[in-house]
Amino acid sequence: MPSSCRIGPAGFPLKGPHGADAMPYLKEIGLDAMEYQAVRSIRIGRKVASELGSAASENGVLLTIHGPYAINLSSNKKLVRRQSIQRIVKSAEIASWMGAFHLTFHPGYYSGLPRDLAMQTQKEALKNVLDKMGERKINVELGPETTGKPNQFGTLEELIELSTTFEKIRLTLDFAHIHARLGGAIKNRSDYEKILDAVERSLGSERMRSLVVHFSEVETTMKGIGERRHHPLGSGYGPDFKKLAEVIMEKGYSFIIICESPMLELDALKMKRILTSFK
């Protein structure tokens, strides 16, 4: 089965216009996806969001959105959980205004809780989020993201469990975060295959279609475990995108690949060239 991935940057392009004008620019340079960044604030109004969505649709650019970093659904403080729920619901509403089908967010931290209790707290909070979205008729997929630090909730196994518990939840698969969290564990194509096979076994082949994938090279902390910072492709840090591209093309996956490299659309274009080289 041939692959038909979409690729684009995490945010507006470095060398092009911002806002709705970024959409024809992305089309012109050959990209067809973008993740809108609401990581610091979620203040965009309905009119501007709708204009962005219309421009994306007209130019064949598929939008996703990244919600605020200030989210912790497994906090041991009720106020923090309540505010986190509100931020996710608001982000989902904005996503619906701009026609973004998927909302990526970091689910939070263990906050001193045993992992089973953190999971229970996450599930209760996410049910609350989905109920509120249902009341407002917001139809957006929630994508808790695999996280890059050991104190963060969000291992691959944890997010697979959330994705199989709730129909409207499908993880965002961040390979840089998995690589860093496991101390630089993604070295060979077989390492990618193990991750993707685990997701496909649990979610099924249909839900693998249009899975949102984040990628960049990543530097780990001095201790060797956990994410320190993202780097451009070819920096010498792992993981290696070529090996992932080979697996994607061989298996015919149709992912939405968001480039989180500091070089944004420039590295997204490199990723596209690498993918097409395996055709």
C-alpha atoms as a PDB file:
ATOM      1  CA  MET A   1       0.000   0.000   0.000  1.00  0.00           C
ATOM      2  CA  PRO A   2       1.580   3.347  -0.999  1.00  0.00           C
ATOM      3  CA  SER A   3       2.275   5.943   1.681  1.00  0.00           C
ATOM      4  CA  SER A   4       0.536   9.314   1.429  1.00  0.00           C
ATOM      5  CA  CYS A   5       1.951  11.288   4.337  1.00  0.00           C
ATOM      6  CA  ARG A   6       1.323  14.979   4.860  1.00  0.00           C
ATOM      7  CA  ILE A   7       4.238  17.018   6.197  1.00  0.00           C
ATOM      8  CA  GLY A   8       4.516  20.484   7.692  1.00  0.00           C
ATOM      9  CA  PRO A   9       6.018  22.638  10.441  1.00  0.00           C
ATOM     10  CA  ALA A  10       5.127  23.076  14.103  1.00  0.00           C
ATOM     11  CA  GLY A  11       4.095  26.700  13.783  1.00  0.00           C
ATOM     12  CA  PHE A  12       4.171  29.373  11.114  1.00  0.00           C
ATOM     13  CA  PRO A  13       7.135  29.174   8.712  1.00  0.00           C
ATOM     14  CA  LEU A  14      10.462  30.795   9.545  1.00  0.00           C
ATOM     15  CA  LYS A  15      10.960  32.349   6.119  1.00  0.00           C
ATOM     16  CA  GLY A  16       7.366  33.045   5.114  1.00  0.00           C
ATOM     17  CA  PRO A  17       4.370  35.062   6.278  1.00  0.00           C
ATOM     18  CA  HIS A  18       2.327  34.291   9.368  1.00  0.00           C
ATOM     19  CA  GLY A  19      -1.425  33.981   9.826  1.00  0.00           C
ATOM     20  CA  ALA A  20      -3.690  33.090   6.913  1.00  0.00           C
ATOM     21  CA  ASP A  21      -1.033  34.274   4.440  1.00  0.00           C
ATOM     22  CA  ALA A  22       1.197  31.384   5.535  1.00  0.00           C
ATOM     23  CA  MET A  23      -1.123  28.853   3.906  1.00  0.00           C
ATOM     24  CA  PRO A  24      -0.485  29.734   0.220  1.00  0.00           C
ATOM     25  CA  TYR A  25       3.217  29.988   1.079  1.00  0.00           C
ATOM     26  CA  LEU A  26       3.262  26.449   2.494  1.00  0.00           C
ATOM     27  CA  LYS A  27       1.448  25.200  -0.593  1.00  0.00           C
ATOM     28  CA  GLU A  28       3.907  27.008  -2.858  1.00  0.00           C
ATOM     29  CA  ILE A  29       6.963  25.401  -1.256  1.00  0.00           C
ATOM     30  CA  GLY A  30       5.354  21.956  -1.270  1.00  0.00           C
ATOM     31  CA  LEU A  31       4.076  21.377   2.274  1.00  0.00           C
ATOM     32  CA  ASP A  32       0.535  20.345   3.162  1.00  0.00           C
ATOM     33  CA  ALA A  33       0.230  20.356   6.965  1.00  0.00           C
ATOM     34  CA  MET A  34       0.854  22.728   9.872  1.00  0.00           C
ATOM     35  CA  GLU A  35       0.473  22.575  13.629  1.00  0.00           C
ATOM     36  CA  TYR A  36      -0.921  25.844  15.028  1.00  0.00           C
ATOM     37  CA  GLN A  37       0.938  26.703  18.223  1.00  0.00           C
ATOM     38  CA  ALA A  38      -1.194  27.677  21.209  1.00  0.00           C
ATOM     39  CA  VAL A  39       1.464  26.574  23.681  1.00  0.00           C
ATOM     40  CA  ARG A  40       1.801  29.945  25.469  1.00  0.00           C
ATOM     41  CA  SER A  41      -1.709  31.326  25.114  1.00  0.00           C
ATOM     42  CA  ILE A  42      -5.086  30.507  23.569  1.00  0.00           C
ATOM     43  CA  ARG A  43      -6.245  34.035  22.796  1.00  0.00           C
ATOM     44  CA  ILE A  44      -6.975  33.771  19.071  1.00  0.00           C
ATOM     45  CA  GLY A  45     -10.511  34.921  18.263  1.00  0.00           C
ATOM     46  CA  ARG A  46     -13.118  33.082  16.252  1.00  0.00           C
ATOM     47  CA  LYS A  47     -12.873  35.374  13.204  1.00  0.00           C
ATOM     48  CA  VAL A  48      -9.095  35.078  12.877  1.00  0.00           C
ATOM     49  CA  ALA A  49      -9.214  31.321  13.525  1.00  0.00           C
ATOM     50  CA  SER A  50     -11.903  30.865  10.874  1.00  0.00           C
ATOM     51  CA  GLU A  51      -9.902  32.916   8.353  1.00  0.00           C
ATOM     52  CA  LEU A  52      -6.855  30.758   9.044  1.00  0.00           C
ATOM     53  CA  GLY A  53      -8.911  27.599   8.591  1.00  0.00           C
ATOM     54  CA  SER A  54     -10.442  28.826   5.337  1.00  0.00           C
ATOM     55  CA  ALA A  55      -7.015  29.701   3.935  1.00  0.00           C
ATOM     56  CA  ALA A  56      -5.690  26.290   4.971  1.00  0.00           C
ATOM     57  CA  SER A  57      -8.584  24.510   3.282  1.00  0.00           C
ATOM     58  CA  GLU A  58      -8.224  26.562   0.086  1.00  0.00           C
ATOM     59  CA  ASN A  59      -4.536  25.683  -0.128  1.00  0.00           C
ATOM     60  CA  GLY A  60      -4.761  22.016   0.814  1.00  0.00           C
ATOM     61  CA  VAL A  61      -3.030  22.450   4.183  1.00  0.00           C
ATOM     62  CA  LEU A  62      -4.268  20.172   6.974  1.00  0.00           C
ATOM     63  CA  LEU A  63      -4.211  21.892  10.377  1.00  0.00           C
ATOM     64  CA  THR A  64      -3.591  20.432  13.794  1.00  0.00           C
ATOM     65  CA  ILE A  65      -3.168  22.457  16.994  1.00  0.00           C
ATOM     66  CA  HIS A  66      -0.876  22.201  20.029  1.00  0.00           C
ATOM     67  CA  GLY A  67      -2.514  23.243  23.300  1.00  0.00           C
ATOM     68  CA  PRO A  68      -0.883  25.074  26.224  1.00  0.00           C
ATOM     69  CA  TYR A  69       2.053  23.612  28.106  1.00  0.00           C
ATOM     70  CA  ALA A  70       0.316  24.636  31.354  1.00  0.00           C
ATOM     71  CA  ILE A  71      -1.692  21.403  31.615  1.00  0.00           C
ATOM     72  CA  ASN A  72      -1.487  18.752  34.316  1.00  0.00           C
ATOM     73  CA  LEU A  73      -4.449  16.391  34.368  1.00  0.00           C
ATOM     74  CA  SER A  74      -2.880  14.227  37.080  1.00  0.00           C
ATOM     75  CA  SER A  75      -2.039  17.034  39.474  1.00  0.00           C
ATOM     76  CA  ASN A  76      -2.767  16.347  43.133  1.00  0.00           C
ATOM     77  CA  LYS A  77      -4.394  19.805  43.264  1.00  0.00           C
ATOM     78  CA  LYS A  78      -8.041  20.117  42.193  1.00  0.00           C
ATOM     79  CA  LEU A  79      -7.605  23.699  40.995  1.00  0.00           C
ATOM     80  CA  VAL A  80      -4.765  22.723  38.654  1.00  0.00           C
ATOM     81  CA  ARG A  81      -6.804  19.850  37.234  1.00  0.00           C
ATOM     82  CA  ARG A  82      -9.843  22.106  36.752  1.00  0.00           C
ATOM     83  CA  GLN A  83      -7.795  24.801  34.991  1.00  0.00           C
ATOM     84  CA  SER A  84      -6.131  22.142  32.825  1.00  0.00           C
ATOM     85  CA  ILE A  85      -9.520  20.787  31.770  1.00  0.00           C
ATOM     86  CA  GLN A  86     -10.663  24.319  30.900  1.00  0.00           C
ATOM     87  CA  ARG A  87      -7.550  24.934  28.788  1.00  0.00           C
ATOM     88  CA  ILE A  88      -8.015  21.728  26.812  1.00  0.00           C
ATOM     89  CA  VAL A  89     -11.704  22.441  26.164  1.00  0.00           C
ATOM     90  CA  LYS A  90     -10.899  26.010  25.067  1.00  0.00           C
ATOM     91  CA  SER A  91      -8.106  24.761  22.800  1.00  0.00           C
ATOM     92  CA  ALA A  92     -10.476  22.209  21.275  1.00  0.00           C
ATOM     93  CA  GLU A  93     -13.003  24.968  20.640  1.00  0.00           C
ATOM     94  CA  ILE A  94     -10.351  27.023  18.828  1.00  0.00           C
ATOM     95  CA  ALA A  95      -9.357  23.930  16.854  1.00  0.00           C
ATOM     96  CA  SER A  96     -12.968  23.536  15.742  1.00  0.00           C
ATOM     97  CA  TRP A  97     -13.098  27.198  14.640  1.00  0.00           C
ATOM     98  CA  MET A  98     -10.089  26.714  12.359  1.00  0.00           C
ATOM     99  CA  GLY A  99     -11.053  23.245  11.166  1.00  0.00           C
ATOM    100  CA  ALA A 100      -8.118  21.512  12.888  1.00  0.00           C
ATOM    101  CA  PHE A 101      -9.026  17.863  13.390  1.00  0.00           C
ATOM    102  CA  HIS A 102      -6.497  17.014  16.132  1.00  0.00           C
ATOM    103  CA  LEU A 103      -5.438  18.699  19.395  1.00  0.00           C
ATOM    104  CA  THR A 104      -2.006  17.743  20.718  1.00  0.00           C
ATOM    105  CA  PHE A 105      -1.219  18.414  24.387  1.00  0.00           C
ATOM    106  CA  HIS A 106       1.151  17.260  27.114  1.00  0.00           C
ATOM    107  CA  PRO A 107      -1.029  15.393  29.634  1.00  0.00           C
ATOM    108  CA  GLY A 108       0.953  16.402  32.720  1.00  0.00           C
ATOM    109  CA  TYR A 109       3.107  14.958  35.486  1.00  0.00           C
ATOM    110  CA  TYR A 110       2.944  12.115  37.974  1.00  0.00           C
ATOM    111  CA  SER A 111       2.878  14.731  40.764  1.00  0.00           C
ATOM    112  CA  GLY A 112       4.076  12.239  43.346  1.00  0.00           C
ATOM    113  CA  LEU A 113       1.206   9.841  42.618  1.00  0.00           C
ATOM    114  CA  PRO A 114       1.701   6.121  42.018  1.00  0.00           C
ATOM    115  CA  ARG A 115       1.454   5.461  38.294  1.00  0.00           C
ATOM    116  CA  ASP A 116      -1.819   3.575  38.535  1.00  0.00           C
ATOM    117  CA  LEU A 117      -3.413   6.448  40.456  1.00  0.00           C
ATOM    118  CA  ALA A 118      -2.002   8.985  37.983  1.00  0.00           C
ATOM    119  CA  MET A 119      -3.619   6.959  35.194  1.00  0.00           C
ATOM    120  CA  GLN A 120      -6.956   6.892  37.013  1.00  0.00           C
ATOM    121  CA  THR A 121      -6.767  10.664  37.583  1.00  0.00           C
ATOM    122  CA  GLN A 122      -5.958  11.243  33.909  1.00  0.00           C
ATOM    123  CA  LYS A 123      -8.910   9.131  32.787  1.00  0.00           C
ATOM    124  CA  GLU A 124     -11.334  10.943  35.088  1.00  0.00           C
ATOM    125  CA  ALA A 125     -10.116  14.334  33.872  1.00  0.00           C
ATOM    126  CA  LEU A 126     -10.264  13.316  30.212  1.00  0.00           C
ATOM    127  CA  LYS A 127     -13.801  12.001  30.607  1.00  0.00           C
ATOM    128  CA  ASN A 128     -14.675  15.420  32.034  1.00  0.00           C
ATOM    129  CA  VAL A 129     -13.024  17.109  29.030  1.00  0.00           C
ATOM    130  CA  LEU A 130     -14.896  14.921  26.542  1.00  0.00           C
ATOM    131  CA  ASP A 131     -18.208  15.488  28.331  1.00  0.00           C
ATOM    132  CA  LYS A 132     -17.722  19.273  28.167  1.00  0.00           C
ATOM    133  CA  MET A 133     -16.744  19.051  24.501  1.00  0.00           C
ATOM    134  CA  GLY A 134     -19.872  17.004  23.823  1.00  0.00           C
ATOM    135  CA  GLU A 135     -22.057  19.607  25.539  1.00  0.00           C
ATOM    136  CA  ARG A 136     -20.566  22.272  23.242  1.00  0.00           C
ATOM    137  CA  LYS A 137     -20.724  19.990  20.178  1.00  0.00           C
ATOM    138  CA  ILE A 138     -16.955  20.239  19.659  1.00  0.00           C
ATOM    139  CA  ASN A 139     -15.829  17.437  17.366  1.00  0.00           C
ATOM    140  CA  VAL A 140     -12.035  17.414  17.662  1.00  0.00           C
ATOM    141  CA  GLU A 141      -9.744  14.457  18.288  1.00  0.00           C
ATOM    142  CA  LEU A 142      -7.668  14.697  21.486  1.00  0.00           C
ATOM    143  CA  GLY A 143      -4.013  13.728  21.103  1.00  0.00           C
ATOM    144  CA  PRO A 144      -2.073  13.406  24.367  1.00  0.00           C
ATOM    145  CA  GLU A 145       1.584  13.403  23.347  1.00  0.00           C
ATOM    146  CA  THR A 146       4.308  10.950  24.301  1.00  0.00           C
ATOM    147  CA  THR A 147       6.480  12.954  26.687  1.00  0.00           C
ATOM    148  CA  GLY A 148      10.242  13.336  26.919  1.00  0.00           C
ATOM    149  CA  LYS A 149      11.002  13.440  30.648  1.00  0.00           C
ATOM    150  CA  PRO A 150      10.737  10.662  33.255  1.00  0.00           C
ATOM    151  CA  ASN A 151       8.618  12.776  35.642  1.00  0.00           C
ATOM    152  CA  GLN A 152       5.987  13.424  32.963  1.00  0.00           C
ATOM    153  CA  PHE A 153       2.921  11.261  32.473  1.00  0.00           C
ATOM    154  CA  GLY A 154       2.969  10.036  28.897  1.00  0.00           C
ATOM    155  CA  THR A 155       4.884   6.852  28.159  1.00  0.00           C
ATOM    156  CA  LEU A 156       3.947   5.063  24.955  1.00  0.00           C
ATOM    157  CA  GLU A 157       2.153   2.383  26.971  1.00  0.00           C
ATOM    158  CA  GLU A 158       0.187   4.922  29.019  1.00  0.00           C
ATOM    159  CA  LEU A 159      -1.018   6.787  25.953  1.00  0.00           C
ATOM    160  CA  ILE A 160      -1.933   3.590  24.133  1.00  0.00           C
ATOM    161  CA  GLU A 161      -4.115   2.766  27.145  1.00  0.00           C
ATOM    162  CA  LEU A 162      -5.836   6.170  26.966  1.00  0.00           C
ATOM    163  CA  SER A 163      -6.290   5.783  23.202  1.00  0.00           C
ATOM    164  CA  THR A 164      -7.977   2.411  23.604  1.00  0.00           C
ATOM    165  CA  THR A 165     -10.139   3.603  26.516  1.00  0.00           C
ATOM    166  CA  PHE A 166     -11.654   6.616  24.729  1.00  0.00           C
ATOM    167  CA  GLU A 167     -12.839   6.628  21.125  1.00  0.00           C
ATOM    168  CA  LYS A 168     -12.099  10.363  20.719  1.00  0.00           C
ATOM    169  CA  ILE A 169      -8.529  10.066  21.984  1.00  0.00           C
ATOM    170  CA  ARG A 170      -5.616   9.082  19.748  1.00  0.00           C
ATOM    171  CA  LEU A 171      -2.086   9.725  20.912  1.00  0.00           C
ATOM    172  CA  THR A 172       0.362  12.082  19.250  1.00  0.00           C
ATOM    173  CA  LEU A 173       3.473   9.997  18.610  1.00  0.00           C
ATOM    174  CA  ASP A 174       6.592  12.074  19.301  1.00  0.00           C
ATOM    175  CA  PHE A 175       9.697  10.082  18.392  1.00  0.00           C
ATOM    176  CA  ALA A 176      12.142  12.642  19.801  1.00  0.00           C
ATOM    177  CA  HIS A 177      10.418  12.423  23.178  1.00  0.00           C
ATOM    178  CA  ILE A 178      10.408   8.616  23.187  1.00  0.00           C
ATOM    179  CA  HIS A 179      14.080   8.598  22.164  1.00  0.00           C
ATOM    180  CA  ALA A 180      15.100  11.030  24.917  1.00  0.00           C
ATOM    181  CA  ARG A 181      12.956   9.490  27.641  1.00  0.00           C
ATOM    182  CA  LEU A 182      14.526   6.084  27.012  1.00  0.00           C
ATOM    183  CA  GLY A 183      18.081   7.407  26.956  1.00  0.00           C
ATOM    184  CA  GLY A 184      18.620   7.490  23.207  1.00  0.00           C
ATOM    185  CA  ALA A 185      16.922   4.163  22.559  1.00  0.00           C
ATOM    186  CA  ILE A 186      15.925   4.627  18.901  1.00  0.00           C
ATOM    187  CA  LYS A 187      18.986   3.552  16.930  1.00  0.00           C
ATOM    188  CA  ASN A 188      17.811   1.165  14.211  1.00  0.00           C
ATOM    189  CA  ARG A 189      14.786   0.755  11.973  1.00  0.00           C
ATOM    190  CA  SER A 190      13.783  -2.197  14.170  1.00  0.00           C
ATOM    191  CA  ASP A 191      13.380   0.253  17.076  1.00  0.00           C
ATOM    192  CA  TYR A 192      10.904   2.275  15.012  1.00  0.00           C
ATOM    193  CA  GLU A 193       9.132  -0.902  13.950  1.00  0.00           C
ATOM    194  CA  LYS A 194       8.657  -2.025  17.565  1.00  0.00           C
ATOM    195  CA  ILE A 195       7.040   1.302  18.471  1.00  0.00           C
ATOM    196  CA  LEU A 196       4.770   1.406  15.431  1.00  0.00           C
ATOM    197  CA  ASP A 197       3.843  -2.267  15.759  1.00  0.00           C
ATOM    198  CA  ALA A 198       2.840  -1.701  19.399  1.00  0.00           C
ATOM    199  CA  VAL A 199       0.586   1.195  18.399  1.00  0.00           C
ATOM    200  CA  GLU A 200      -0.953  -0.671  15.461  1.00  0.00           C
ATOM    201  CA  ARG A 201      -1.604  -3.822  17.496  1.00  0.00           C
ATOM    202  CA  SER A 202      -3.561  -1.782  20.022  1.00  0.00           C
ATOM    203  CA  LEU A 203      -5.283   0.809  17.837  1.00  0.00           C
ATOM    204  CA  GLY A 204      -5.765  -1.224  14.660  1.00  0.00           C
ATOM    205  CA  SER A 205      -4.756  -0.371  11.105  1.00  0.00           C
ATOM    206  CA  GLU A 206      -7.704   1.985  10.535  1.00  0.00           C
ATOM    207  CA  ARG A 207      -6.713   4.260  13.432  1.00  0.00           C
ATOM    208  CA  MET A 208      -3.102   4.320  12.216  1.00  0.00           C
ATOM    209  CA  ARG A 209      -4.320   6.292   9.202  1.00  0.00           C
ATOM    210  CA  SER A 210      -3.679  10.036   9.677  1.00  0.00           C
ATOM    211  CA  LEU A 211      -1.865   9.391  12.975  1.00  0.00           C
ATOM    212  CA  VAL A 212      -0.152  12.618  14.040  1.00  0.00           C
ATOM    213  CA  VAL A 213       3.606  12.141  14.365  1.00  0.00           C
ATOM    214  CA  HIS A 214       6.123  14.664  15.703  1.00  0.00           C
ATOM    215  CA  PHE A 215       9.775  14.493  14.736  1.00  0.00           C
ATOM    216  CA  SER A 216      13.047  16.276  15.353  1.00  0.00           C
ATOM    217  CA  GLU A 217      16.515  15.311  16.466  1.00  0.00           C
ATOM    218  CA  VAL A 218      16.929  15.744  20.207  1.00  0.00           C
ATOM    219  CA  GLU A 219      19.650  16.279  22.782  1.00  0.00           C
ATOM    220  CA  THR A 220      19.276  14.437  26.077  1.00  0.00           C
ATOM    221  CA  THR A 221      20.124  15.804  29.531  1.00  0.00           C
ATOM    222  CA  MET A 222      23.589  15.481  31.070  1.00  0.00           C
ATOM    223  CA  LYS A 223      22.376  12.313  32.807  1.00  0.00           C
ATOM    224  CA  GLY A 224      21.466  10.843  29.425  1.00  0.00           C
ATOM    225  CA  ILE A 225      17.782  10.384  30.261  1.00  0.00           C
ATOM    226  CA  GLY A 226      15.170  12.929  29.244  1.00  0.00           C
ATOM    227  CA  GLU A 227      14.782  15.708  26.701  1.00  0.00           C
ATOM    228  CA  ARG A 228      17.042  18.759  26.854  1.00  0.00           C
ATOM    229  CA  ARG A 229      16.456  20.531  23.523  1.00  0.00           C
ATOM    230  CA  HIS A 230      15.461  19.898  19.916  1.00  0.00           C
ATOM    231  CA  HIS A 231      17.990  20.133  17.084  1.00  0.00           C
ATOM    232  CA  PRO A 232      17.845  20.410  13.269  1.00  0.00           C
ATOM    233  CA  LEU A 233      18.087  17.380  11.018  1.00  0.00           C
ATOM    234  CA  GLY A 234      21.698  16.388  10.473  1.00  0.00           C
ATOM    235  CA  SER A 235      22.848  17.782  13.830  1.00  0.00           C
ATOM    236  CA  GLY A 236      24.398  14.472  14.857  1.00  0.00           C
ATOM    237  CA  TYR A 237      21.839  13.852  17.575  1.00  0.00           C
ATOM    238  CA  GLY A 238      19.308  11.067  17.180  1.00  0.00           C
ATOM    239  CA  PRO A 239      16.959   9.690  16.203  1.00  0.00           C
ATOM    240  CA  ASP A 240      17.575   9.182  12.482  1.00  0.00           C
ATOM    241  CA  PHE A 241      14.648  10.238  10.294  1.00  0.00           C
ATOM    242  CA  LYS A 242      15.880   8.207   7.301  1.00  0.00           C
ATOM    243  CA  LYS A 243      15.279   4.952   9.148  1.00  0.00           C
ATOM    244  CA  LEU A 244      11.771   6.047  10.124  1.00  0.00           C
ATOM    245  CA  ALA A 245      11.068   7.145   6.547  1.00  0.00           C
ATOM    246  CA  GLU A 246      12.114   3.740   5.259  1.00  0.00           C
ATOM    247  CA  VAL A 247       9.648   2.005   7.596  1.00  0.00           C
ATOM    248  CA  ILE A 248       6.841   4.444   6.741  1.00  0.00           C
ATOM    249  CA  MET A 249       7.262   3.935   3.005  1.00  0.00           C
ATOM    250  CA  GLU A 250       7.638   0.153   3.203  1.00  0.00           C
ATOM    251  CA  LYS A 251       4.536  -0.264   5.354  1.00  0.00           C
ATOM    252  CA  GLY A 252       2.510   2.362   3.516  1.00  0.00           C
ATOM    253  CA  TYR A 253       1.625   4.442   6.569  1.00  0.00           C
ATOM    254  CA  SER A 254      -0.260   7.675   5.900  1.00  0.00           C
ATOM    255  CA  PHE A 255       0.832   9.892   8.785  1.00  0.00           C
ATOM    256  CA  ILE A 256       0.564  13.612   9.474  1.00  0.00           C
ATOM    257  CA  ILE A 257       4.228  14.415  10.154  1.00  0.00           C
ATOM    258  CA  ILE A 258       4.884  17.626  12.072  1.00  0.00           C
ATOM    259  CA  CYS A 259       8.478  18.855  12.026  1.00  0.00           C
ATOM    260  CA  GLU A 260       9.505  20.179  15.454  1.00  0.00           C
ATOM    261  CA  SER A 261      13.070  20.955  14.429  1.00  0.00           C
ATOM    262  CA  PRO A 262      14.140  24.580  15.036  1.00  0.00           C
ATOM    263  CA  MET A 263      14.388  24.811  11.233  1.00  0.00           C
ATOM    264  CA  LEU A 264      10.635  24.185  10.873  1.00  0.00           C
ATOM    265  CA  GLU A 265       9.588  24.259   7.198  1.00  0.00           C
ATOM    266  CA  LEU A 266      13.185  23.916   5.970  1.00  0.00           C
ATOM    267  CA  ASP A 267      13.598  20.590   7.743  1.00  0.00           C
ATOM    268  CA  ALA A 268      10.025  19.602   6.883  1.00  0.00           C
ATOM    269  CA  LEU A 269      11.058  19.870   3.231  1.00  0.00           C
ATOM    270  CA  LYS A 270      14.133  17.739   3.967  1.00  0.00           C
ATOM    271  CA  MET A 271      11.838  15.124   5.512  1.00  0.00           C
ATOM    272  CA  LYS A 272       9.657  15.195   2.418  1.00  0.00           C
ATOM    273  CA  ARG A 273      12.676  14.663   0.161  1.00  0.00           C
ATOM    274  CA  ILE A 274      13.870  11.775   2.313  1.00  0.00           C
ATOM    275  CA  LEU A 275      10.451  10.120   2.221  1.00  0.00           C
ATOM    276  CA  THR A 276      10.124  10.428  -1.539  1.00  0.00           C
ATOM    277  CA  SER A 277      13.637   9.009  -2.012  1.00  0.00           C
ATOM    278  CA  PHE A 278      12.295   5.634  -0.820  1.00  0.00           C
ATOM    279  CA  LYS A 279       9.513   5.482  -3.437  1.00  0.00           C
END
